[in-house]
Amino acid sequence: MKFRYIITAIATTVLATGCNEDIFLDVRPQGTLNEEVLATPEGLDLLVTSAYAALKGPNRDMMWIPMTNWTYGEVRSDNAYKGGGGITDGGDVHKMETFNIDATWGNADSKWYSLYCCLQRANEALRLMNTMTTEEVADLEVLKAEMKVVRAHFYFELSRLFNNIPYLDETVNPDDYTKIPNNGNTRDEILGFIAKDLMDAAEALPENQAQVGHVNRYVAYAYAAKVKLYQAYLQDDRNQVTSVNVDLMREVVELCDKLEGRYGLLDDFQQLDMVEFENGKESVFAVQYTMDDGSDGAGGINWSNLLNAPQGPYSGDGFFLPSQNLINAYKTDENGLPLFDTFNDEDYGVWTGSELKQVDSYVDPRLDFVTGRPGISWKTYTVSPCKANWVRNQGDYGFNCTKRFYVSPESDYMFVGWPWGASEMNHQIIRYAQVLLWKAEALVELGDAASLEEARETINIIRRRAKNSPYVRNFENPALPAANYKIEEYPSTGWTQEYAREAVRFETRLEMAMEGDRFFDLVRWGIAEKTMNAFIDKEQDNRVYYRGAHFTSGKDEYLPIPLPQYNFSEGNYVQNPGYGSF
């Protein structure tokens, strides 16, 4: 699908809230359309297209508020460092990485503002559709359902970023926006509204869509499963997890099961970063990016990740680097299973300046699918292996690169020149491996013997794919693997609920590393404080910029409500816990 960006004078809601979409979406004005033109099937089509276009995220001027959540979900976690030229390069993200932000932190305002502008596109389309009939638009109910899913996506992002948010659907008069407080609904109620939109949409959506990238019934089911999974972990007013709702967990399992047989895992983990497979059987919901589509420059590419290409053959800016903690997490024992408690005792694969010093350990092969380590083969690139100098600032951030989300440098799909490393590779909002992990997590929380056994088999499906994927080869001697890879399935022996809970959480980290969800997972599970402070305590010996950093429970689970938004609300918003009052 090639999104054609359209800005019109029709977005009365957007205009009423002060959203100038030019600043965060790469919009090309196509002329001014009045309301009479818009109140037609053709005008509605423009609004629907505009709402889908919002999924693509920022343009080159707003790359610090990425829709892929590499900053909010990974750099803010134990998975990644900010990277780039140093701590002042992208200093706003450095502040978030070290938990040193407040209501004046500009990135929070930009993210809040952009997400509300994006969802208002869906609201505007829904507002118009509520004045139309199926005689005028035959697929009216389907289009309404699509817009509810798109809106739900942006509201879910707002909820897990800011927690206390105003819920504004298409029935709310824009003149009343400033009157609606951000604490009028609880976190549970907001997630309930989002889940209802998704479940209602599923009833109207078809099983298949003619246009690639448009949501179908199974997208709605899968997204509802994710939202209900978050909702199942009940939090108090200090962001602490107090209990788990097993009834919601049963719903999560039922929703995930609806996708069984229709989707599956790609045969090779590394196919996730190949354009040829991007709309394959593992892709449930993806943002469709394009190249050479007639628009300026490289085309409709993913600007959210354009800061992150490494140097070397990409000549990139080198942000978003895997942490040593993440690399250590891929170590396995003699049985090919993770080292839950001891993985971070000794660093794996430290670059000495001339060689990669490997500790005596087995490793999960996904280590070298996800991360680029000096001396290790890089995708299908034959000119050289990954090198330490592909990282711009090795003193601050070490020597490892993120290998995900880029095509191989010699690929015909890669754009040559600026923007560095660009291609038409999609961004996967939901892939089927996630659905399996959500199901396994819910089954573990149900806790009965049958559910625990089904959870074990579900996790093992994912580990089986990793084991059977072709391993990365030694660059100098391709007949050999690049490391001592060993991964096996979990046995039934010792598979208690406590052990299974640790297993599914660890598997979620290994499988989904760098895909934007890690920090939100830690908050959902109620282990963010323990995990992040242990991470900081160990990392500050080598990453000195972490010295003095601290994760504060009851505060740092969510971003602060931005001061400009408080001013917009004319004092009706309240600040999140821990940040102090306005």
Protein backbone atom coordinates (compact mmCIF):
# COMPACT_ATOMS: atom_id res chain seq x y z
CA MET A 1 0.00 0.00 0.00
CA LYS A 2 1.39 3.40 -0.92
CA PHE A 3 0.15 6.02 1.51
CA ARG A 4 -0.54 9.38 -0.09
CA TYR A 5 -0.33 12.04 2.59
CA ILE A 6 -3.13 14.54 2.45
CA ILE A 7 -3.53 17.70 4.46
CA THR A 8 -6.78 19.56 4.16
CA ALA A 9 -8.66 22.35 5.82
CA ILE A 10 -11.23 19.76 6.76
CA ALA A 11 -9.74 18.40 9.93
CA THR A 12 -11.79 20.62 12.20
CA THR A 13 -10.98 18.51 15.21
CA VAL A 14 -7.28 18.66 14.54
CA LEU A 15 -7.40 22.40 13.97
CA ALA A 16 -9.47 22.93 17.10
CA THR A 17 -6.79 21.24 19.22
CA GLY A 18 -3.97 23.14 17.60
CA CYS A 19 -2.48 20.13 15.82
CA ASN A 20 -0.34 21.26 12.93
CA GLU A 21 0.32 17.85 11.43
CA ASP A 22 3.05 19.22 9.16
CA ILE A 23 5.47 19.14 12.08
CA PHE A 24 5.28 15.41 12.70
CA LEU A 25 4.01 13.85 9.50
CA ASP A 26 5.62 14.19 6.14
CA VAL A 27 2.55 15.80 4.64
CA ARG A 28 2.38 17.10 1.10
CA PRO A 29 -0.50 19.60 0.67
CA GLN A 30 -2.88 18.59 -2.08
CA GLY A 31 -5.06 21.67 -1.99
CA THR A 32 -7.84 22.83 0.25
CA LEU A 33 -11.05 20.86 0.45
CA ASN A 34 -14.20 22.34 1.94
CA GLU A 35 -16.69 20.39 4.01
CA GLU A 36 -19.06 19.90 1.07
CA VAL A 37 -16.34 18.10 -0.88
CA LEU A 38 -15.43 16.00 2.15
CA ALA A 39 -18.99 14.90 2.85
CA THR A 40 -18.83 12.49 -0.08
CA PRO A 41 -17.56 8.92 -0.52
CA GLU A 42 -14.48 10.38 -2.22
CA GLY A 43 -13.86 12.76 0.68
CA LEU A 44 -14.30 9.94 3.15
CA ASP A 45 -11.71 7.90 1.28
CA LEU A 46 -9.25 10.77 1.73
CA LEU A 47 -9.89 10.86 5.47
CA VAL A 48 -9.45 7.09 5.82
CA THR A 49 -6.21 7.23 3.84
CA SER A 50 -5.02 10.09 6.03
CA ALA A 51 -5.75 8.09 9.20
CA TYR A 52 -3.77 5.10 7.94
CA ALA A 53 -0.95 7.43 6.93
CA ALA A 54 -0.62 8.54 10.54
CA LEU A 55 0.69 5.05 11.38
CA LYS A 56 3.83 5.86 9.44
CA GLY A 57 4.93 8.36 12.02
CA PRO A 58 7.26 11.35 11.93
CA ASN A 59 9.19 12.95 9.12
CA ARG A 60 12.89 13.73 9.07
CA ASP A 61 12.45 16.72 11.39
CA MET A 62 10.77 14.75 14.18
CA MET A 63 12.74 11.51 14.35
CA TRP A 64 13.13 11.87 18.13
CA ILE A 65 9.47 10.89 18.65
CA PRO A 66 9.57 7.52 16.86
CA MET A 67 6.45 5.44 16.33
CA THR A 68 8.62 2.31 16.59
CA ASN A 69 9.27 3.05 20.28
CA TRP A 70 13.00 2.39 20.08
CA THR A 71 13.51 5.21 22.58
CA TYR A 72 10.45 4.80 24.83
CA GLY A 73 10.37 1.00 24.92
CA GLU A 74 13.99 -0.11 24.51
CA VAL A 75 16.50 2.64 25.41
CA ARG A 76 14.42 3.25 28.56
CA SER A 77 14.87 -0.46 29.41
CA ASP A 78 17.78 -2.83 30.01
CA ASN A 79 17.90 -3.78 26.33
CA ALA A 80 19.55 -0.78 24.67
CA TYR A 81 21.75 2.28 24.88
CA LYS A 82 20.89 5.53 23.14
CA GLY A 83 24.09 5.50 21.08
CA GLY A 84 25.03 8.16 18.56
CA GLY A 85 27.88 10.60 19.03
CA GLY A 86 27.68 10.86 22.83
CA ILE A 87 25.36 11.78 25.67
CA THR A 88 24.66 15.29 24.30
CA ASP A 89 23.80 13.91 20.85
CA GLY A 90 20.04 13.43 21.23
CA GLY A 91 20.27 14.74 24.79
CA ASP A 92 16.52 14.51 25.38
CA VAL A 93 16.69 10.73 24.95
CA HIS A 94 19.73 10.58 27.24
CA LYS A 95 17.62 12.25 29.94
CA MET A 96 14.95 9.59 29.55
CA GLU A 97 17.56 6.81 29.50
CA THR A 98 18.85 7.99 32.89
CA PHE A 99 15.39 8.79 34.34
CA ASN A 100 16.08 12.50 34.63
CA ILE A 101 12.95 14.11 33.17
CA ASP A 102 10.09 16.27 34.40
CA ALA A 103 7.00 18.05 33.04
CA THR A 104 9.16 20.48 31.06
CA TRP A 105 10.85 17.65 29.10
CA GLY A 106 10.02 18.62 25.51
CA ASN A 107 9.95 15.11 24.11
CA ALA A 108 6.95 14.20 26.29
CA ASP A 109 4.97 17.12 24.90
CA SER A 110 5.93 16.25 21.31
CA LYS A 111 4.91 12.60 21.77
CA TRP A 112 1.60 13.43 23.49
CA TYR A 113 0.79 16.04 20.85
CA SER A 114 1.63 13.84 17.89
CA LEU A 115 -0.33 10.83 19.14
CA TYR A 116 -3.46 12.90 19.75
CA CYS A 117 -3.14 14.48 16.31
CA CYS A 118 -2.81 11.00 14.79
CA LEU A 119 -5.88 9.57 16.51
CA GLN A 120 -7.90 12.66 15.63
CA ARG A 121 -7.56 11.67 11.98
CA ALA A 122 -9.51 8.52 12.79
CA ASN A 123 -11.98 10.53 14.86
CA GLU A 124 -12.57 12.92 11.99
CA ALA A 125 -13.27 10.04 9.63
CA LEU A 126 -15.65 8.49 12.17
CA ARG A 127 -17.40 11.81 12.72
CA LEU A 128 -18.12 12.07 9.02
CA MET A 129 -19.21 8.42 8.76
CA ASN A 130 -21.74 8.94 11.53
CA THR A 131 -23.57 11.34 9.16
CA MET A 132 -23.61 8.86 6.25
CA THR A 133 -25.60 5.76 5.34
CA THR A 134 -24.79 2.45 3.73
CA GLU A 135 -26.72 3.64 0.68
CA GLU A 136 -24.06 6.33 0.24
CA VAL A 137 -21.08 4.14 1.25
CA ALA A 138 -21.64 0.42 0.86
CA ASP A 139 -18.77 -0.62 3.14
CA LEU A 140 -19.51 2.03 5.75
CA GLU A 141 -19.52 -0.34 8.74
CA VAL A 142 -16.22 -1.91 7.69
CA LEU A 143 -14.60 1.51 7.36
CA LYS A 144 -15.89 2.50 10.79
CA ALA A 145 -14.36 -0.65 12.22
CA GLU A 146 -11.02 0.08 10.56
CA MET A 147 -10.91 3.56 12.03
CA LYS A 148 -11.72 2.20 15.49
CA VAL A 149 -8.70 -0.11 15.28
CA VAL A 150 -6.43 2.71 14.11
CA ARG A 151 -7.69 4.95 16.92
CA ALA A 152 -7.28 2.13 19.44
CA HIS A 153 -3.65 1.76 18.44
CA PHE A 154 -2.85 5.39 19.22
CA TYR A 155 -4.86 5.38 22.45
CA PHE A 156 -3.04 2.25 23.60
CA GLU A 157 0.28 4.00 22.99
CA LEU A 158 -0.89 7.01 24.99
CA SER A 159 -2.12 4.81 27.83
CA ARG A 160 1.09 2.89 28.33
CA LEU A 161 3.24 6.00 27.94
CA PHE A 162 1.29 8.47 30.11
CA ASN A 163 -1.35 6.43 31.98
CA ASN A 164 -3.54 9.44 32.96
CA ILE A 165 -5.00 10.58 29.66
CA PRO A 166 -8.28 12.15 28.48
CA TYR A 167 -10.37 9.87 26.29
CA LEU A 168 -11.84 11.85 23.38
CA ASP A 169 -13.87 9.91 20.84
CA GLU A 170 -15.62 11.25 17.77
CA THR A 171 -18.73 12.25 19.75
CA VAL A 172 -16.88 14.81 21.87
CA ASN A 173 -17.26 18.41 20.73
CA PRO A 174 -13.81 19.94 20.13
CA ASP A 175 -14.94 23.02 22.05
CA ASP A 176 -15.16 20.82 25.15
CA TYR A 177 -11.65 19.34 24.98
CA THR A 178 -10.20 21.66 27.59
CA LYS A 179 -13.00 20.74 30.00
CA ILE A 180 -12.19 17.03 30.06
CA PRO A 181 -9.69 16.05 32.80
CA ASN A 182 -6.97 13.49 32.26
CA ASN A 183 -7.95 11.58 35.41
CA GLY A 184 -11.63 11.22 34.63
CA ASN A 185 -11.10 7.55 33.85
CA THR A 186 -8.80 5.02 35.48
CA ARG A 187 -6.13 3.07 33.63
CA ASP A 188 -8.41 0.04 33.71
CA GLU A 189 -11.32 2.01 32.26
CA ILE A 190 -9.19 3.51 29.47
CA LEU A 191 -7.90 0.07 28.52
CA GLY A 192 -11.49 -1.16 28.66
CA PHE A 193 -12.60 1.52 26.18
CA ILE A 194 -9.77 0.53 23.85
CA ALA A 195 -10.56 -3.17 24.10
CA LYS A 196 -14.25 -2.53 23.45
CA ASP A 197 -13.43 -0.55 20.29
CA LEU A 198 -11.32 -3.47 19.10
CA MET A 199 -13.89 -6.14 19.90
CA ASP A 200 -16.67 -4.11 18.29
CA ALA A 201 -14.47 -3.64 15.23
CA ALA A 202 -13.82 -7.37 14.99
CA GLU A 203 -17.54 -8.00 14.57
CA ALA A 204 -17.70 -5.81 11.47
CA LEU A 205 -14.32 -6.43 9.86
CA PRO A 206 -13.86 -9.03 7.12
CA GLU A 207 -11.42 -11.91 7.45
CA ASN A 208 -9.47 -10.58 4.48
CA GLN A 209 -8.87 -7.14 3.02
CA ALA A 210 -8.23 -6.43 -0.63
CA GLN A 211 -5.70 -3.73 0.20
CA VAL A 212 -2.50 -4.82 1.90
CA GLY A 213 -2.03 -3.08 5.24
CA HIS A 214 -5.70 -2.47 5.96
CA VAL A 215 -6.79 -4.12 9.19
CA ASN A 216 -8.89 -7.26 9.17
CA ARG A 217 -10.81 -9.13 11.86
CA TYR A 218 -7.74 -10.94 13.14
CA VAL A 219 -5.79 -7.73 13.63
CA ALA A 220 -8.60 -6.56 15.92
CA TYR A 221 -8.61 -9.86 17.82
CA ALA A 222 -4.83 -9.82 18.26
CA TYR A 223 -4.72 -6.20 19.38
CA ALA A 224 -7.59 -6.82 21.81
CA ALA A 225 -5.57 -9.71 23.27
CA LYS A 226 -2.63 -7.36 23.87
CA VAL A 227 -4.79 -4.70 25.50
CA LYS A 228 -6.56 -7.20 27.75
CA LEU A 229 -3.20 -8.68 28.73
CA TYR A 230 -2.10 -5.27 30.00
CA GLN A 231 -5.48 -4.74 31.65
CA ALA A 232 -5.18 -8.06 33.49
CA TYR A 233 -2.30 -6.73 35.60
CA LEU A 234 -4.15 -4.46 38.00
CA GLN A 235 -2.23 -1.40 39.23
CA ASP A 236 -2.80 0.89 42.19
CA ASP A 237 -2.51 4.68 42.15
CA ARG A 238 1.25 4.37 42.63
CA ASN A 239 1.64 2.25 39.48
CA GLN A 240 2.28 -0.92 41.47
CA VAL A 241 0.86 -4.27 40.30
CA THR A 242 -1.54 -5.51 42.95
CA SER A 243 -3.12 -8.59 41.38
CA VAL A 244 -3.78 -10.47 38.16
CA ASN A 245 -7.26 -10.85 36.69
CA VAL A 246 -7.45 -14.48 35.58
CA ASP A 247 -10.78 -13.97 33.80
CA LEU A 248 -9.09 -11.47 31.48
CA MET A 249 -6.24 -13.93 31.02
CA ARG A 250 -8.73 -16.52 29.80
CA GLU A 251 -10.03 -13.98 27.29
CA VAL A 252 -6.46 -13.38 26.11
CA VAL A 253 -6.02 -17.10 25.42
CA GLU A 254 -9.33 -17.27 23.54
CA LEU A 255 -8.46 -14.27 21.39
CA CYS A 256 -4.99 -15.56 20.57
CA ASP A 257 -6.46 -18.92 19.59
CA LYS A 258 -8.55 -17.20 16.92
CA LEU A 259 -5.36 -16.57 14.93
CA GLU A 260 -4.17 -20.18 15.07
CA GLY A 261 -3.97 -21.79 11.65
CA ARG A 262 -4.20 -18.48 9.82
CA TYR A 263 -0.78 -17.17 10.85
CA GLY A 264 2.50 -18.85 11.65
CA LEU A 265 6.20 -18.29 12.17
CA LEU A 266 8.56 -17.68 9.29
CA ASP A 267 10.92 -20.60 8.82
CA ASP A 268 14.03 -18.51 9.46
CA PHE A 269 14.18 -15.78 12.13
CA GLN A 270 16.37 -13.72 9.83
CA GLN A 271 13.58 -13.51 7.25
CA LEU A 272 11.97 -10.95 9.58
CA ASP A 273 14.41 -8.41 8.11
CA MET A 274 13.91 -9.33 4.48
CA VAL A 275 11.48 -7.31 2.37
CA GLU A 276 10.50 -10.43 0.44
CA PHE A 277 8.86 -11.90 3.56
CA GLU A 278 7.50 -8.73 5.21
CA ASN A 279 3.81 -9.44 4.49
CA GLY A 280 4.23 -13.15 5.03
CA LYS A 281 2.56 -15.55 7.41
CA GLU A 282 4.09 -14.01 10.56
CA SER A 283 2.89 -10.47 9.86
CA VAL A 284 -0.39 -9.73 11.64
CA PHE A 285 -0.39 -5.91 11.63
CA ALA A 286 2.31 -3.93 9.87
CA VAL A 287 2.93 -0.36 8.80
CA GLN A 288 3.48 -0.44 5.05
CA TYR A 289 6.51 1.57 3.99
CA THR A 290 7.49 2.22 0.38
CA MET A 291 10.46 3.29 -1.71
CA ASP A 292 10.62 4.73 -5.21
CA ASP A 293 6.91 5.54 -5.01
CA GLY A 294 7.06 8.88 -6.77
CA SER A 295 7.40 10.98 -3.63
CA ASP A 296 10.47 13.00 -2.74
CA GLY A 297 13.81 11.39 -1.90
CA ALA A 298 13.82 7.72 -1.00
CA GLY A 299 10.01 7.58 -0.81
CA GLY A 300 7.62 6.64 1.98
CA ILE A 301 10.29 5.14 4.23
CA ASN A 302 10.43 4.57 7.97
CA TRP A 303 11.82 7.82 9.36
CA SER A 304 11.32 6.56 12.93
CA ASN A 305 14.39 4.31 12.60
CA LEU A 306 16.52 6.45 10.30
CA LEU A 307 18.89 7.63 13.04
CA ASN A 308 19.81 4.08 13.91
CA ALA A 309 21.68 2.60 10.95
CA PRO A 310 25.28 1.79 11.94
CA GLN A 311 28.30 3.28 10.26
CA GLY A 312 30.35 0.97 8.05
CA PRO A 313 28.52 0.17 4.81
CA TYR A 314 25.45 2.18 5.90
CA SER A 315 27.32 5.39 6.89
CA GLY A 316 24.59 5.86 9.49
CA ASP A 317 24.19 7.88 12.67
CA GLY A 318 24.58 4.84 14.93
CA PHE A 319 21.88 5.36 17.52
CA PHE A 320 20.01 2.53 19.29
CA LEU A 321 22.68 0.02 20.34
CA PRO A 322 22.16 -3.28 22.18
CA SER A 323 23.21 -3.31 25.82
CA GLN A 324 25.80 -5.70 27.17
CA ASN A 325 23.08 -6.95 29.50
CA LEU A 326 20.96 -7.99 26.51
CA ILE A 327 23.91 -9.74 24.89
CA ASN A 328 24.60 -11.60 28.14
CA ALA A 329 20.94 -12.66 28.33
CA TYR A 330 21.41 -14.89 25.27
CA LYS A 331 23.86 -17.17 27.11
CA THR A 332 22.57 -20.72 27.67
CA ASP A 333 23.57 -23.64 29.86
CA GLU A 334 24.70 -27.13 28.81
CA ASN A 335 21.03 -28.00 28.23
CA GLY A 336 20.51 -25.08 25.86
CA LEU A 337 18.30 -23.18 28.33
CA PRO A 338 18.62 -19.59 29.57
CA LEU A 339 20.60 -18.67 32.68
CA PHE A 340 17.83 -16.80 34.50
CA ASP A 341 19.82 -15.83 37.60
CA THR A 342 23.45 -15.81 36.48
CA PHE A 343 23.45 -14.60 32.86
CA ASN A 344 24.83 -11.18 33.79
CA ASP A 345 27.59 -12.40 36.14
CA GLU A 346 30.18 -12.30 33.36
CA ASP A 347 30.12 -10.35 30.10
CA TYR A 348 29.92 -12.34 26.89
CA GLY A 349 31.82 -11.32 23.76
CA VAL A 350 33.93 -8.35 24.88
CA TRP A 351 35.94 -6.59 22.16
CA THR A 352 39.57 -6.23 23.23
CA GLY A 353 40.54 -3.88 20.41
CA SER A 354 41.79 -6.65 18.17
CA GLU A 355 39.51 -9.63 18.82
CA LEU A 356 36.18 -10.64 20.29
CA LYS A 357 36.88 -12.33 23.60
CA GLN A 358 34.30 -15.06 24.06
CA VAL A 359 33.70 -16.44 27.55
CA ASP A 360 33.24 -20.17 27.73
CA SER A 361 29.50 -20.34 27.22
CA TYR A 362 26.85 -21.59 24.88
CA VAL A 363 24.60 -18.94 23.35
CA ASP A 364 21.15 -18.75 21.85
CA PRO A 365 21.53 -18.26 18.06
CA ARG A 366 19.17 -15.29 18.21
CA LEU A 367 22.06 -13.33 19.73
CA ASP A 368 23.63 -12.95 16.30
CA PHE A 369 20.30 -12.54 14.54
CA VAL A 370 19.48 -9.51 16.72
CA THR A 371 22.85 -7.91 17.48
CA GLY A 372 25.89 -7.08 15.35
CA ARG A 373 29.14 -7.95 17.13
CA PRO A 374 32.67 -7.15 15.92
CA GLY A 375 34.14 -9.93 13.82
CA ILE A 376 30.77 -11.66 13.33
CA SER A 377 29.15 -11.99 9.88
CA TRP A 378 26.61 -9.26 9.11
CA LYS A 379 23.55 -10.57 7.31
CA THR A 380 24.59 -11.64 3.77
CA TYR A 381 27.29 -8.95 3.46
CA THR A 382 30.54 -10.49 2.15
CA VAL A 383 32.83 -7.43 2.08
CA SER A 384 33.57 -7.55 5.81
CA PRO A 385 32.10 -8.73 9.10
CA CYS A 386 30.63 -6.25 11.54
CA LYS A 387 33.38 -4.02 12.89
CA ALA A 388 33.89 -2.11 16.13
CA ASN A 389 34.18 1.18 14.25
CA TRP A 390 30.61 0.82 13.03
CA VAL A 391 29.76 2.34 16.45
CA ARG A 392 30.38 6.10 16.51
CA ASN A 393 31.20 6.55 20.19
CA GLN A 394 32.77 3.35 21.45
CA GLY A 395 33.94 4.93 24.69
CA ASP A 396 30.42 5.67 25.85
CA TYR A 397 28.47 2.84 24.22
CA GLY A 398 30.76 -0.10 23.50
CA PHE A 399 31.18 -1.91 20.20
CA ASN A 400 27.92 -3.66 19.32
CA CYS A 401 25.26 -2.68 16.75
CA THR A 402 21.60 -3.43 16.30
CA LYS A 403 21.27 -5.89 13.44
CA ARG A 404 17.48 -5.86 13.21
CA PHE A 405 15.34 -3.66 10.94
CA TYR A 406 17.83 -3.21 8.10
CA VAL A 407 18.28 -5.03 4.84
CA SER A 408 21.77 -6.27 4.01
CA PRO A 409 23.95 -3.46 2.56
CA GLU A 410 24.20 -5.07 -0.87
CA SER A 411 20.42 -5.60 -1.15
CA ASP A 412 18.57 -4.07 -4.09
CA TYR A 413 15.98 -2.91 -1.56
CA MET A 414 18.39 -0.52 0.19
CA PHE A 415 18.40 3.13 -0.77
CA VAL A 416 21.87 4.36 -1.74
CA GLY A 417 22.84 7.59 0.03
CA TRP A 418 20.89 9.73 2.46
CA PRO A 419 18.78 8.71 4.31
CA TRP A 420 21.35 6.09 5.34
CA GLY A 421 20.19 2.50 5.44
CA ALA A 422 16.68 3.32 4.21
CA SER A 423 14.54 0.67 2.56
CA GLU A 424 10.88 -0.14 2.12
CA MET A 425 10.92 -2.64 4.99
CA ASN A 426 7.69 -2.61 6.98
CA HIS A 427 7.44 -2.02 10.71
CA GLN A 428 5.64 -4.90 12.41
CA ILE A 429 3.20 -3.61 15.01
CA ILE A 430 2.12 -7.20 15.76
CA ARG A 431 3.79 -10.37 14.54
CA TYR A 432 2.56 -13.87 15.28
CA ALA A 433 5.45 -14.74 17.63
CA GLN A 434 4.11 -12.02 19.93
CA VAL A 435 0.63 -13.56 19.83
CA LEU A 436 2.08 -16.91 20.90
CA LEU A 437 3.99 -15.25 23.74
CA TRP A 438 0.87 -13.39 24.93
CA LYS A 439 -1.01 -16.68 24.95
CA ALA A 440 1.76 -18.44 26.84
CA GLU A 441 1.93 -15.63 29.41
CA ALA A 442 -1.81 -15.79 30.01
CA LEU A 443 -1.73 -19.58 30.30
CA VAL A 444 1.03 -19.37 32.91
CA GLU A 445 -1.04 -16.96 34.99
CA LEU A 446 -4.03 -19.32 34.83
CA GLY A 447 -1.71 -21.77 36.57
CA ASP A 448 -3.53 -25.12 36.32
CA ALA A 449 -1.60 -28.13 35.09
CA ALA A 450 -3.16 -28.22 31.62
CA SER A 451 -2.58 -24.50 31.06
CA LEU A 452 1.03 -24.73 32.21
CA GLU A 453 1.69 -27.60 29.84
CA GLU A 454 0.10 -25.74 26.92
CA ALA A 455 2.23 -22.71 27.81
CA ARG A 456 5.38 -24.85 27.70
CA GLU A 457 4.56 -26.18 24.26
CA THR A 458 3.67 -22.70 23.01
CA ILE A 459 7.02 -21.29 24.16
CA ASN A 460 8.79 -24.27 22.62
CA ILE A 461 7.25 -23.51 19.22
CA ILE A 462 9.18 -20.25 19.27
CA ARG A 463 12.40 -21.85 20.53
CA ARG A 464 12.08 -24.55 17.87
CA ARG A 465 12.08 -21.89 15.14
CA ALA A 466 15.21 -20.33 16.62
CA LYS A 467 16.92 -23.72 16.81
CA ASN A 468 16.05 -24.65 13.24
CA SER A 469 16.91 -21.28 11.66
CA PRO A 470 20.22 -21.34 9.73
CA TYR A 471 22.87 -20.12 12.15
CA VAL A 472 25.17 -17.18 11.47
CA ARG A 473 28.42 -18.48 9.98
CA ASN A 474 32.01 -17.71 10.83
CA PHE A 475 33.09 -14.92 8.46
CA GLU A 476 36.57 -16.36 7.81
CA ASN A 477 35.41 -19.97 7.66
CA PRO A 478 31.74 -20.24 6.62
CA ALA A 479 31.79 -23.99 7.24
CA LEU A 480 31.71 -23.17 10.96
CA PRO A 481 29.08 -21.36 13.04
CA ALA A 482 30.05 -17.91 14.33
CA ALA A 483 29.68 -18.95 17.98
CA ASN A 484 28.94 -21.96 20.15
CA TYR A 485 25.19 -21.93 19.57
CA LYS A 486 22.94 -24.12 21.65
CA ILE A 487 19.20 -23.78 22.22
CA GLU A 488 16.79 -26.50 23.29
CA GLU A 489 13.15 -26.78 24.27
CA TYR A 490 11.93 -26.54 27.84
CA PRO A 491 11.36 -30.01 29.36
CA SER A 492 8.33 -30.87 31.45
CA THR A 493 10.49 -31.68 34.49
CA GLY A 494 10.44 -28.81 36.98
CA TRP A 495 7.87 -26.86 34.98
CA THR A 496 6.14 -25.13 37.90
CA GLN A 497 4.14 -21.92 37.62
CA GLU A 498 7.00 -19.91 39.14
CA TYR A 499 9.55 -21.37 36.74
CA ALA A 500 7.18 -21.05 33.77
CA ARG A 501 6.54 -17.38 34.58
CA GLU A 502 10.27 -16.69 34.50
CA ALA A 503 10.62 -18.69 31.29
CA VAL A 504 7.90 -16.86 29.36
CA ARG A 505 9.19 -13.47 30.46
CA PHE A 506 12.73 -14.38 29.49
CA GLU A 507 11.57 -15.80 26.17
CA THR A 508 9.65 -12.61 25.47
CA ARG A 509 12.84 -10.62 25.96
CA LEU A 510 14.97 -12.86 23.73
CA GLU A 511 12.45 -13.18 20.91
CA MET A 512 11.19 -9.59 20.86
CA ALA A 513 14.43 -7.78 21.70
CA MET A 514 14.69 -4.25 20.25
CA GLU A 515 11.11 -4.28 18.90
CA GLY A 516 9.87 -1.53 21.21
CA ASP A 517 8.02 -3.34 24.02
CA ARG A 518 10.63 -4.27 26.67
CA PHE A 519 10.09 -1.36 29.07
CA PHE A 520 6.31 -1.68 28.87
CA ASP A 521 6.62 -5.41 29.61
CA LEU A 522 8.62 -4.66 32.77
CA VAL A 523 5.97 -2.20 33.94
CA ARG A 524 3.14 -4.60 33.13
CA TRP A 525 4.81 -7.39 35.14
CA GLY A 526 5.54 -5.06 38.06
CA ILE A 527 9.30 -5.66 37.97
CA ALA A 528 10.55 -2.42 36.41
CA GLU A 529 12.15 -1.02 39.57
CA LYS A 530 14.01 -4.21 40.47
CA THR A 531 15.15 -4.87 36.90
CA MET A 532 16.21 -1.35 36.01
CA ASN A 533 18.11 -0.56 39.20
CA ALA A 534 19.99 -3.87 38.99
CA PHE A 535 20.81 -3.02 35.38
CA ILE A 536 22.02 0.49 36.26
CA ASP A 537 24.12 -0.76 39.20
CA LYS A 538 26.04 -3.15 36.93
CA GLU A 539 26.23 -0.96 33.84
CA GLN A 540 27.64 2.16 35.51
CA ASP A 541 31.04 0.51 35.85
CA ASN A 542 31.46 0.57 32.06
CA ARG A 543 28.77 3.05 30.97
CA VAL A 544 29.73 5.88 33.29
CA TYR A 545 26.82 8.08 32.22
CA TYR A 546 24.55 5.84 34.31
CA ARG A 547 26.26 7.00 37.51
CA GLY A 548 23.68 8.79 39.60
CA ALA A 549 20.78 7.36 37.58
CA HIS A 550 17.99 5.66 39.48
CA PHE A 551 14.58 4.23 38.67
CA THR A 552 12.03 5.55 41.16
CA SER A 553 9.10 3.23 41.79
CA GLY A 554 5.73 4.97 41.67
CA LYS A 555 7.07 7.57 39.23
CA ASP A 556 9.22 6.33 36.40
CA GLU A 557 6.76 3.71 35.14
CA TYR A 558 5.12 6.52 33.13
CA LEU A 559 6.20 9.75 31.48
CA PRO A 560 5.20 13.06 33.08
CA ILE A 561 2.11 14.88 31.85
CA PRO A 562 3.68 17.68 29.76
CA LEU A 563 3.44 21.21 31.11
CA PRO A 564 2.15 22.63 27.78
CA GLN A 565 -0.72 20.13 27.89
CA TYR A 566 -1.59 21.20 31.43
CA ASN A 567 -1.70 24.77 30.16
CA PHE A 568 -3.86 23.69 27.20
CA SER A 569 -6.32 22.08 29.62
CA GLU A 570 -6.62 25.36 31.51
CA GLY A 571 -5.55 23.59 34.69
CA ASN A 572 -7.85 20.56 34.41
CA TYR A 573 -5.06 17.98 34.12
CA VAL A 574 -3.30 16.40 37.09
CA GLN A 575 0.33 15.30 37.11
CA ASN A 576 1.36 11.66 37.27
CA PRO A 577 2.58 10.35 40.66
CA GLY A 578 6.12 11.25 41.64
CA TYR A 579 6.56 14.26 39.39
CA GLY A 580 5.05 16.81 41.77
CA SER A 581 2.06 19.03 41.11
CA PHE A 582 1.99 21.62 38.34
